[in-house]
Protein backbone atom coordinates (compact mmCIF):
# COMPACT_ATOMS: atom_id res chain seq x y z
CA MET A 1 -29.98 12.09 17.28
CA LYS A 2 -30.48 11.91 13.53
CA LYS A 3 -33.10 9.38 12.42
CA ILE A 4 -33.97 8.79 8.76
CA PHE A 5 -36.71 6.25 8.14
CA LEU A 6 -37.14 4.97 4.60
CA PRO A 7 -39.48 2.32 3.26
CA LEU A 8 -37.62 -0.95 2.96
CA PHE A 9 -38.19 -1.30 -0.78
CA ILE A 10 -36.73 2.18 -1.44
CA PHE A 11 -33.66 1.30 0.62
CA LEU A 12 -33.14 -1.94 -1.28
CA ILE A 13 -33.46 -0.22 -4.65
CA ALA A 14 -31.02 2.49 -3.62
CA THR A 15 -28.55 -0.13 -2.46
CA GLU A 16 -28.75 -1.96 -5.77
CA VAL A 17 -28.31 1.17 -7.89
CA GLN A 18 -25.48 2.59 -5.80
CA ALA A 19 -22.76 0.29 -7.12
CA GLN A 20 -19.96 2.79 -6.61
CA VAL A 21 -19.02 3.85 -3.08
CA GLN A 22 -18.26 7.55 -2.74
CA VAL A 23 -14.89 7.97 -0.99
CA SER A 24 -13.51 10.92 0.94
CA PHE A 25 -10.10 11.32 2.57
CA SER A 26 -9.12 13.51 5.51
CA ALA A 27 -5.53 14.63 6.13
CA LEU A 28 -5.17 15.17 9.88
CA GLY A 29 -2.33 16.52 11.96
CA ASP A 30 -3.57 14.86 15.15
CA ALA A 31 -6.02 12.12 16.13
CA ASP A 32 -8.75 14.53 17.33
CA ASP A 33 -8.75 16.94 14.37
CA TRP A 34 -11.80 15.73 12.47
CA GLN A 35 -13.93 15.50 15.60
CA LEU A 36 -13.12 19.12 16.53
CA PHE A 37 -13.15 20.74 13.10
CA MET A 38 -14.77 18.47 10.46
CA SER A 39 -17.46 16.33 12.15
CA LYS A 40 -20.42 17.69 10.17
CA LYS A 41 -18.58 17.12 6.86
CA ILE A 42 -17.44 13.63 7.85
CA LEU A 43 -20.98 12.56 8.74
CA THR A 44 -22.18 13.99 5.42
CA ASP A 45 -19.46 12.06 3.57
CA LEU A 46 -20.40 8.82 5.33
CA GLY A 47 -24.09 9.35 4.56
CA ALA A 48 -23.53 9.90 0.83
CA GLY A 49 -25.64 7.68 -1.39
CA SER A 50 -26.30 4.37 0.34
CA GLY A 51 -23.31 4.95 2.57
CA GLY A 52 -20.01 6.60 1.70
CA LYS A 53 -16.51 5.63 2.81
CA ALA A 54 -14.31 7.91 4.95
CA VAL A 55 -10.54 7.43 5.11
CA PHE A 56 -8.60 9.25 7.84
CA ILE A 57 -4.85 9.79 7.43
CA THR A 58 -3.39 10.96 10.75
CA PHE A 59 0.15 12.23 10.28
CA THR A 60 1.49 12.72 13.80
CA ALA A 61 1.31 10.73 16.99
CA GLY A 62 0.25 13.87 18.90
CA ASP A 63 2.65 12.63 21.54
CA GLU A 64 3.62 16.07 22.94
CA GLY A 65 7.23 15.00 23.22
CA LEU A 66 6.55 11.66 24.94
CA GLY A 67 7.45 9.67 21.84
CA SER A 68 6.48 6.04 22.38
CA GLY A 69 6.14 6.55 26.14
CA GLY A 70 3.69 8.01 28.62
CA ALA A 71 2.66 7.53 32.25
CA GLY A 72 -0.75 6.02 31.50
CA ALA A 73 -1.85 2.44 31.04
CA VAL A 74 -0.62 2.48 27.42
CA PRO A 75 1.70 4.87 25.55
CA TYR A 76 0.05 8.26 25.08
CA TYR A 77 0.00 8.06 21.29
CA LEU A 78 -1.77 4.68 21.41
CA ALA A 79 -4.44 6.03 23.76
CA LYS A 80 -5.10 8.87 21.29
CA GLU A 81 -5.03 6.49 18.34
CA LYS A 82 -7.56 4.04 19.75
CA GLY A 83 -9.76 6.94 20.88
CA ALA A 84 -9.86 8.16 17.28
CA VAL A 85 -10.84 4.65 16.16
CA TYR A 86 -13.75 4.59 18.63
CA SER A 87 -15.01 7.98 17.47
CA SER A 88 -14.82 6.99 13.79
CA LYS A 89 -16.79 3.81 14.58
CA PHE A 90 -19.45 6.00 16.17
CA ALA A 91 -19.57 8.20 13.05
CA SER A 92 -20.13 5.14 10.89
CA ASP A 93 -22.82 3.70 13.17
CA ILE A 94 -25.00 6.82 13.32
CA THR A 95 -25.01 7.36 9.56
CA LEU A 96 -25.95 3.78 8.60
CA GLN A 97 -29.49 2.45 8.58
CA PRO A 98 -30.58 1.03 10.87
CA ILE A 99 -28.73 3.20 13.38
CA TYR A 100 -26.24 1.20 15.44
CA PRO A 101 -26.56 -2.10 13.54
CA ASN A 102 -24.04 -3.59 15.97
CA THR A 103 -22.91 -6.13 13.42
CA TYR A 104 -19.21 -5.23 13.13
CA ALA A 105 -16.48 -5.93 15.64
CA VAL A 106 -14.48 -3.06 17.08
CA PRO A 107 -11.48 -2.87 14.73
CA THR A 108 -8.00 -3.90 15.77
CA ALA A 109 -4.74 -2.66 14.31
CA THR A 110 -3.40 -4.30 11.19
CA THR A 111 -0.35 -3.42 9.10
CA VAL A 112 -0.08 -2.81 5.38
CA VAL A 113 2.97 -2.02 3.28
CA LEU A 114 2.56 0.96 0.94
CA ASN A 115 5.42 2.78 -0.78
CA GLY A 116 7.81 0.57 1.16
CA LYS A 117 6.41 1.82 4.50
CA THR A 118 4.73 -0.41 7.06
CA LEU A 119 1.60 1.50 8.07
CA THR A 120 -0.87 0.93 10.91
CA LYS A 121 -4.44 0.62 9.65
CA TYR A 122 -7.87 0.10 11.26
CA VAL A 123 -11.00 -0.76 9.23
CA TYR A 124 -14.61 -0.64 10.46
CA GLY A 125 -17.77 -1.34 8.48
CA ASN A 126 -19.17 -3.68 5.89
CA ALA A 127 -17.06 -5.30 3.19
CA SER A 128 -18.81 -3.43 0.34
CA GLY A 129 -17.46 -0.12 1.67
CA ASN A 130 -20.84 1.53 2.35
CA GLY A 131 -20.45 3.44 5.61
CA MET A 132 -16.90 2.15 6.07
CA VAL A 133 -14.32 4.10 8.05
CA VAL A 134 -10.59 3.46 7.59
CA ASN A 135 -7.87 4.95 9.80
CA TYR A 136 -4.20 5.19 8.83
CA PHE A 137 -1.74 6.36 11.51
CA LEU A 138 1.73 7.49 10.37
CA ARG A 139 2.82 8.18 13.99
CA LEU A 140 5.27 10.98 13.24
CA PRO A 141 6.60 13.11 16.11
CA ASP A 142 4.42 15.96 17.37
CA GLY A 143 5.88 19.24 16.07
CA GLY A 144 4.23 21.51 18.62
CA GLN A 145 2.27 24.68 17.90
CA THR A 146 5.09 26.47 16.05
CA GLY A 147 6.91 23.47 14.61
CA THR A 148 9.97 23.62 16.87
CA GLY A 149 9.32 20.05 18.01
CA PHE A 150 10.00 18.53 21.43
CA ALA A 151 13.30 17.58 23.04
CA GLY A 152 11.94 14.10 23.83
CA THR A 153 11.72 13.31 20.10
CA GLY A 154 14.84 15.14 18.94
CA ASN A 155 13.08 18.44 18.19
CA LYS A 156 11.87 17.03 14.87
CA SER A 157 8.72 18.18 13.12
CA LEU A 158 6.88 18.17 9.80
CA LYS A 159 7.70 21.86 9.46
CA LYS A 160 11.44 21.20 9.72
CA LEU A 161 11.15 18.31 7.26
CA LYS A 162 9.41 20.51 4.70
CA ASP A 163 11.75 23.51 5.03
CA GLY A 164 14.87 21.30 4.85
CA THR A 165 16.12 21.86 8.40
CA ILE A 166 16.07 18.07 8.74
CA THR A 167 16.40 15.57 5.89
CA ASN A 168 14.16 12.85 7.33
CA ILE A 169 11.79 12.07 10.17
CA THR A 170 11.16 8.75 11.93
CA SER A 171 7.86 7.61 13.44
CA VAL A 172 7.74 7.46 17.24
CA ASP A 173 7.48 3.66 17.11
CA GLY A 174 10.69 3.52 15.03
CA VAL A 175 9.06 1.60 12.18
CA ASN A 176 9.28 4.11 9.30
CA THR A 177 11.58 6.93 8.23
CA TYR A 178 10.47 9.47 5.62
CA THR A 179 11.96 12.18 3.50
CA TRP A 180 9.44 14.84 2.48
CA ALA A 181 9.12 13.29 -0.99
CA GLN A 182 8.54 9.83 0.51
CA LEU A 183 5.87 11.23 2.81
CA VAL A 184 4.04 12.87 -0.10
CA ASN A 185 4.26 9.69 -2.19
CA THR A 186 2.91 7.61 0.71
CA ILE A 187 -0.25 9.74 0.69
CA LYS A 188 -0.62 9.03 -3.03
CA TYR A 189 -0.33 5.31 -2.33
CA ILE A 190 -3.02 5.45 0.37
CA ILE A 191 -5.39 7.31 -1.95
CA PHE A 192 -5.02 4.74 -4.71
CA ALA A 193 -5.19 1.84 -2.29
CA GLU A 194 -8.51 3.07 -0.84
CA LYS A 195 -10.37 4.89 -3.62
CA GLY A 196 -11.83 1.70 -5.09
CA ASN A 197 -13.89 2.35 -8.21
CA ASP A 198 -14.69 5.96 -7.31
CA ALA A 199 -13.60 8.06 -10.29
CA GLN A 200 -13.70 11.34 -8.34
CA VAL A 201 -12.87 11.69 -4.65
CA TRP A 202 -12.44 14.48 -2.11
CA ILE A 203 -9.76 15.22 0.46
CA ASN A 204 -10.44 17.30 3.57
CA THR A 205 -7.47 19.34 4.79
CA SER A 206 -6.59 22.23 7.06
CA SER A 207 -6.82 25.61 5.33
CA LEU A 208 -3.43 26.95 4.23
CA SER A 209 -4.76 30.52 4.13
CA ALA A 210 -3.11 32.88 6.60
CA ILE A 211 -6.18 35.11 6.32
CA THR A 212 -8.95 32.66 7.20
CA ASN A 213 -6.86 30.27 9.32
CA PRO A 214 -4.02 32.29 10.91
CA ASN A 215 -1.63 30.86 13.49
CA ASP A 216 -2.82 27.30 12.99
CA HIS A 217 -0.95 24.44 14.65
CA SER A 218 2.15 23.57 12.62
CA ASP A 219 1.13 19.93 12.27
CA HIS A 220 -2.24 20.96 10.83
CA TYR A 221 -0.54 23.21 8.30
CA TYR A 222 2.18 20.81 7.15
CA SER A 223 -0.03 17.72 7.07
CA SER A 224 -2.30 19.71 4.77
CA THR A 225 0.70 20.87 2.74
CA ALA A 226 1.85 17.27 2.18
CA ALA A 227 -1.67 16.11 1.27
CA GLU A 228 -2.28 18.94 -1.19
CA GLU A 229 1.11 18.35 -2.82
CA ALA A 230 0.21 14.67 -3.17
CA VAL A 231 -2.98 15.42 -5.11
CA SER A 232 -1.80 18.55 -6.93
CA THR A 233 -1.77 16.82 -10.34
CA PHE A 234 -4.72 14.52 -9.55
CA LEU A 235 -7.46 16.81 -10.79
CA TRP A 236 -10.03 14.10 -10.06
CA VAL A 237 -9.40 14.79 -6.34
CA GLY A 238 -11.38 17.71 -4.96
CA ILE A 239 -9.88 19.70 -2.05
CA HIS A 240 -12.03 20.90 0.86
CA GLU A 241 -10.15 23.20 3.28
CA PHE A 242 -11.19 23.74 6.91
CA VAL A 243 -10.50 26.47 9.45
CA MET A 244 -8.97 24.76 12.45
CA ASP A 245 -7.42 26.56 15.45
CA ASN A 246 -8.84 29.91 14.36
CA SER A 247 -12.40 28.54 14.40
CA SER A 248 -12.63 29.34 18.14
CA THR A 249 -12.73 33.04 17.21
CA LEU A 250 -15.80 32.54 15.00
CA SER A 251 -19.44 32.39 16.02
CA ALA A 252 -21.04 29.00 16.65
CA ASN A 253 -22.84 27.75 13.55
CA LEU A 254 -23.71 24.09 14.18
CA THR A 255 -27.28 23.13 14.97
CA ASN A 256 -27.99 21.53 18.33
CA GLU A 257 -28.06 18.09 16.68
CA GLU A 258 -24.78 18.69 14.82
CA PHE A 259 -23.18 19.98 18.01
CA GLU A 260 -24.35 16.89 19.90
CA GLU A 261 -22.86 14.62 17.24
CA ALA A 262 -19.54 16.48 17.25
CA SER A 263 -19.45 16.38 21.06
CA ALA A 264 -20.20 12.65 21.09
CA ALA A 265 -17.44 11.90 18.57
CA PHE A 266 -14.91 13.94 20.54
CA GLY A 267 -16.22 12.51 23.81
CA LEU A 268 -15.44 8.96 22.74
CA TYR A 269 -11.90 10.01 21.80
CA ASN A 270 -11.50 11.82 25.12
CA TRP A 271 -13.03 8.92 27.07
CA ASN A 272 -10.25 6.61 25.89
CA LEU A 273 -7.63 9.06 27.15
CA ILE A 274 -9.28 9.19 30.57
CA LYS A 275 -9.75 5.40 30.64
CA ASN A 276 -6.01 5.01 30.09
CA ARG A 277 -5.24 7.50 32.90
CA TYR A 278 -4.40 10.57 30.84
CA ASN A 279 -5.71 14.10 31.36
CA ASN A 280 -9.19 15.12 30.28
CA THR A 281 -8.90 17.23 27.08
CA LEU A 282 -12.45 18.63 27.17
CA ASN A 283 -11.83 22.24 28.17
CA SER A 284 -12.87 25.77 27.22
CA THR A 285 -10.78 25.71 24.02
CA THR A 286 -12.10 22.41 22.68
CA ARG A 287 -15.67 23.39 23.65
CA ALA A 288 -15.34 26.50 21.50
CA TRP A 289 -14.04 24.49 18.56
CA LEU A 290 -16.83 21.92 18.78
CA SER A 291 -19.63 24.41 18.08
CA MET A 292 -18.13 25.81 14.85
CA GLU A 293 -17.30 24.36 11.45
CA SER A 294 -15.98 26.61 8.70
CA SER A 295 -14.70 25.44 5.32
CA ASN A 296 -14.46 26.24 1.64
CA VAL A 297 -13.96 24.28 -1.57
CA LEU A 298 -10.44 24.98 -2.84
CA ARG A 299 -10.91 22.77 -5.90
CA SER A 300 -13.75 20.65 -7.23
CA PRO A 301 -12.81 17.34 -8.86
CA SER A 302 -12.68 17.15 -12.64
CA GLY A 303 -11.92 14.32 -15.03
CA THR A 304 -11.67 10.75 -13.83
CA ALA A 305 -9.09 8.71 -11.97
CA PRO A 306 -6.99 6.37 -14.14
CA ALA A 307 -8.36 2.84 -14.15
CA LEU A 308 -5.16 0.94 -14.87
CA PRO A 309 -2.18 0.63 -12.52
CA VAL A 310 0.36 0.72 -15.34
CA VAL A 311 0.55 2.21 -18.83
CA LEU A 312 2.92 -0.08 -20.73
CA LEU A 313 4.97 1.63 -23.42
CA SER A 314 6.79 -1.44 -24.75
CA PHE A 315 7.65 -5.08 -24.01
CA THR A 316 10.38 -6.65 -26.15
CA GLY A 317 12.89 -9.50 -26.12
CA ALA A 318 16.14 -10.26 -27.92
CA LEU A 319 18.76 -12.98 -27.97
CA LYS A 320 21.87 -12.28 -25.95
CA GLY A 321 24.13 -15.23 -26.70
CA ASN A 322 21.96 -18.23 -25.89
CA ASN A 323 20.00 -16.24 -23.29
CA VAL A 324 17.04 -13.91 -23.85
CA GLN A 325 17.01 -10.35 -22.57
CA LEU A 326 13.54 -8.93 -21.90
CA ASP A 327 13.05 -5.16 -21.76
CA TRP A 328 9.94 -3.19 -20.96
CA ALA A 329 9.06 0.41 -20.21
CA THR A 330 6.11 2.22 -18.64
CA THR A 331 5.01 5.80 -19.25
CA SER A 332 3.14 6.00 -15.93
CA GLU A 333 2.50 3.84 -12.89
CA ILE A 334 -0.17 4.35 -10.29
CA ASN A 335 -0.37 2.09 -7.25
CA SER A 336 1.68 -0.56 -9.07
CA LYS A 337 3.10 -3.45 -7.08
CA GLU A 338 5.11 -5.73 -9.35
CA PHE A 339 5.64 -7.32 -12.76
CA ILE A 340 5.36 -11.09 -13.18
CA ILE A 341 7.29 -12.57 -16.12
CA GLU A 342 5.85 -15.81 -17.48
CA ARG A 343 7.31 -18.13 -20.13
CA SER A 344 5.99 -20.97 -22.27
CA ASN A 345 7.62 -23.32 -24.72
CA ASP A 346 4.38 -24.03 -26.60
CA GLY A 347 2.44 -20.75 -26.25
CA VAL A 348 -0.26 -22.51 -24.21
CA SER A 349 1.09 -23.55 -20.80
CA TYR A 350 2.92 -20.72 -19.01
CA ARG A 351 4.93 -20.77 -15.82
CA GLU A 352 6.22 -17.94 -13.68
CA LEU A 353 9.89 -17.07 -14.13
CA THR A 354 10.31 -14.19 -11.72
CA ARG A 355 8.75 -11.14 -10.11
CA VAL A 356 10.18 -7.65 -10.50
CA PRO A 357 9.14 -4.86 -8.08
CA ALA A 358 7.36 -1.95 -9.78
CA ALA A 359 8.00 1.74 -9.20
CA GLY A 360 4.67 2.14 -7.39
CA TYR A 361 3.98 5.67 -8.50
CA SER A 362 5.62 7.37 -11.46
CA SER A 363 4.62 9.96 -14.04
CA THR A 364 7.82 9.57 -16.07
CA THR A 365 9.16 6.74 -18.24
CA LYS A 366 10.51 3.81 -16.22
CA LYS A 367 12.64 1.08 -17.82
CA TYR A 368 13.04 -2.52 -16.65
CA THR A 369 15.10 -5.49 -17.81
CA TYR A 370 15.42 -9.20 -17.06
CA LEU A 371 17.84 -11.84 -18.45
CA ASP A 372 16.36 -15.30 -18.91
CA ILE A 373 19.23 -17.75 -18.53
CA GLU A 374 16.86 -20.70 -18.98
CA ALA A 375 15.88 -19.77 -22.54
CA THR A 376 15.59 -22.58 -25.05
CA ASP A 377 15.11 -22.71 -28.83
CA VAL A 378 11.45 -21.58 -28.65
CA ASN A 379 10.30 -19.11 -25.97
CA TYR A 380 6.96 -17.35 -25.49
CA TYR A 381 6.97 -14.53 -22.94
CA ARG A 382 4.20 -12.45 -21.40
CA LEU A 383 4.21 -9.78 -18.72
CA LYS A 384 1.61 -9.45 -15.99
CA MET A 385 1.31 -5.99 -14.40
CA VAL A 386 -0.07 -6.18 -10.86
CA ASP A 387 -1.22 -3.29 -8.65
CA LEU A 388 -1.50 -3.17 -4.87
CA ASP A 389 -5.11 -4.34 -4.65
CA GLY A 390 -4.40 -7.39 -6.82
CA THR A 391 -5.80 -5.97 -10.05
CA SER A 392 -3.69 -7.04 -13.02
CA LYS A 393 -3.36 -6.56 -16.76
CA GLN A 394 -1.47 -8.78 -19.18
CA SER A 395 0.80 -7.74 -22.04
CA ASP A 396 0.87 -9.11 -25.54
CA VAL A 397 2.99 -12.25 -26.05
CA VAL A 398 6.58 -11.96 -27.26
CA LEU A 399 8.07 -14.93 -29.19
CA ILE A 400 11.85 -15.39 -29.29
CA LYS A 401 13.44 -18.25 -31.25
CA ASN A 402 17.04 -19.42 -31.36
CA ASN A 403 17.13 -21.43 -34.61
CA SER A 404 20.88 -22.00 -34.45
CA LEU A 405 20.70 -23.64 -31.06
CA SER A 406 21.73 -27.31 -30.89
CA GLN A 407 21.16 -29.52 -27.89
CA ALA A 408 23.84 -29.40 -25.22
CA VAL A 409 23.92 -30.08 -21.49
CA SER A 410 25.90 -28.08 -18.91
CA ALA A 411 26.06 -27.69 -15.14
CA VAL A 412 24.85 -24.46 -13.59
CA THR A 413 26.16 -25.46 -10.15
CA ASN A 414 29.81 -26.48 -10.39
CA PRO A 415 31.14 -26.82 -7.73
CA PHE A 416 27.85 -28.05 -6.18
CA ALA A 417 26.61 -28.31 -2.62
CA ASP A 418 23.12 -29.56 -1.67
CA HIS A 419 21.88 -29.96 -5.25
CA ILE A 420 23.11 -30.17 -8.84
CA GLY A 421 21.59 -27.89 -11.44
CA ILE A 422 21.69 -29.02 -15.09
CA ARG A 423 20.79 -26.85 -18.05
CA PHE A 424 19.68 -28.08 -21.48
CA ALA A 425 20.23 -25.74 -24.39
CA LYS A 426 16.86 -26.88 -25.79
CA LEU A 427 13.88 -28.00 -23.74
CA PRO A 428 14.26 -31.78 -23.36
CA LYS A 429 11.42 -34.00 -24.53
CA GLY A 430 10.33 -37.28 -23.00
CA GLU A 431 12.33 -38.88 -20.20
CA VAL A 432 15.54 -37.43 -18.75
CA ALA A 433 17.64 -40.05 -16.89
CA LEU A 434 20.30 -38.89 -14.42
CA ARG A 435 23.07 -41.08 -12.92
CA LEU A 436 25.65 -39.71 -10.48
CA LEU A 437 28.89 -41.71 -10.04
CA ASP A 438 32.05 -41.20 -8.06
CA MET A 439 35.45 -41.34 -9.78
CA SER A 440 35.75 -45.10 -9.17
CA GLY A 441 32.56 -45.65 -11.19
CA LYS A 442 30.39 -46.44 -8.15
CA LEU A 443 26.75 -45.42 -8.63
CA ILE A 444 25.74 -42.86 -6.03
CA THR A 445 22.17 -41.97 -7.00
CA THR A 446 19.75 -41.91 -9.92
CA ALA A 447 16.72 -39.86 -10.94
CA ARG A 448 14.18 -39.80 -13.78
CA ILE A 449 12.24 -36.73 -14.90
CA TYR A 450 9.45 -36.91 -17.48
CA ASN A 451 8.72 -34.03 -19.87
CA PRO A 452 10.31 -31.26 -17.76
CA LEU A 453 8.69 -27.82 -18.06
CA SER A 454 12.00 -26.02 -17.79
CA SER A 455 15.33 -26.28 -19.51
CA VAL A 456 16.97 -26.28 -16.06
CA ILE A 457 16.43 -29.36 -13.87
CA ARG A 458 17.79 -30.35 -10.47
CA LEU A 459 19.22 -33.40 -8.80
CA ASP A 460 18.57 -32.87 -5.08
CA ASN A 461 19.84 -34.33 -1.80
CA THR A 462 23.55 -34.15 -2.57
CA GLY A 463 24.52 -32.24 0.58
CA SER A 464 25.75 -35.32 2.47
CA LEU A 465 28.22 -36.40 -0.25
CA SER A 466 31.89 -36.21 0.51
CA GLN A 467 33.99 -33.53 -1.11
CA GLY A 468 35.66 -34.54 -4.33
CA LEU A 469 35.06 -35.20 -8.02
CA TYR A 470 31.97 -36.88 -9.48
CA VAL A 471 30.57 -37.66 -12.93
CA LEU A 472 26.97 -36.94 -13.86
CA GLN A 473 25.60 -38.99 -16.77
CA VAL A 474 22.55 -37.52 -18.54
CA GLU A 475 20.47 -39.41 -21.09
CA ASN A 476 17.69 -37.92 -23.23
CA GLU A 477 16.21 -38.73 -26.66
CA GLY A 478 18.77 -41.51 -27.24
CA LYS A 479 21.79 -39.31 -26.53
CA GLN A 480 24.16 -39.44 -23.57
CA TYR A 481 26.09 -36.57 -21.98
CA SER A 482 28.73 -36.70 -19.25
CA ILE A 483 29.65 -33.80 -16.95
CA LYS A 484 32.53 -33.80 -14.46
CA LEU A 485 31.52 -32.05 -11.20
CA LEU A 486 33.25 -30.96 -8.00
CA LYS A 487 31.57 -31.35 -4.60
CA ARG A 488 32.74 -28.68 -2.20
């Protein structure tokens, strides 16, 4: 077992200096891939600096045609999934100091929404990211060795998705459906969601070389293909390719200690299969894979990852009748979540008008528009650009005036049901008094609103009124307005 003893003061200094966690990603066809083919590299990644962060993206459920079923205590794909989580916890524990700190709970599944897909995610390690392991499981159907798929899951596979034989593929749990483009974009989302402040990251993939890695499992090959397509234009992502199935034909090259660590990681994965009454997968083939690790650097990272989620090209507004139309455009979006439009009538106190979903990822110009039907005579607008981790950037303020606007009051709900909406052409000042009467002149209800923040106000609790005609009297700044309304 690896033991590294450092004086306490050196460890504390290193922790303080190492402000940026080094992040690596691994694109895996199945839940046991890194343990069999990448364990030495993963432990190196986790040991980087004062503790690196390793993110595993497992594409398929490895279900062997069972889909969401299986004869064990839990579905087969879940037994493999949790086994992979145990082995990644072990990898984190043996690379942190002190070894096995035993301070973090065994992770449980959570869900996150990225690129419109609800993904299963497990996180283990400390909150700062040092020594953290993160597992994403896409749960796509097992494609089999040659990519023909299995009858139990409709003979679908990543290979068929890539070559166009099928147009989409659905996860075995039925939660997500992907086209090839959506699958590639989802990998981009995961990378930006997990890279943190690291300006240059690495991704570990299966080698796509038919010379060094011939006859590899189809899911290895096409998971790697999707991952490398995802980062093809991200030059700040280095690519490390590994020989997988073909490694059993090579001579053993791991030291005894490295072999023990690889065997332990795979053993924990395998133990969870056995515990859940599935077959033991430690056999002559996997033993041969465990003793060998062969890889090459396909591309070293260069440049730096973009810091901002959105590059805003323009943000403008213009009168459209008595409304204001807001238009904005972005030249690129990375990991963007949404735009929040805020408005003020004095340029000091802003309130949220609406939220507009962002493109998420885009390298081309994207245009957006919003019509503010609550605009008054003086309107200050600003745009907040929010990415998936909550980081935001604010635009410059746009001022739109309507000098020709005179005060008027109109109903925005006519007929009305459970409330009455009233719009002022100009933001009312002081007290607004509301009186609702029936057609005989009987007073039904009253309300008073002081210095409203919006030009649209509401009179609530009108749902129990009988159908028919009513008159709403509105008084503000010494003027009275009457509106005839229909209750439906």
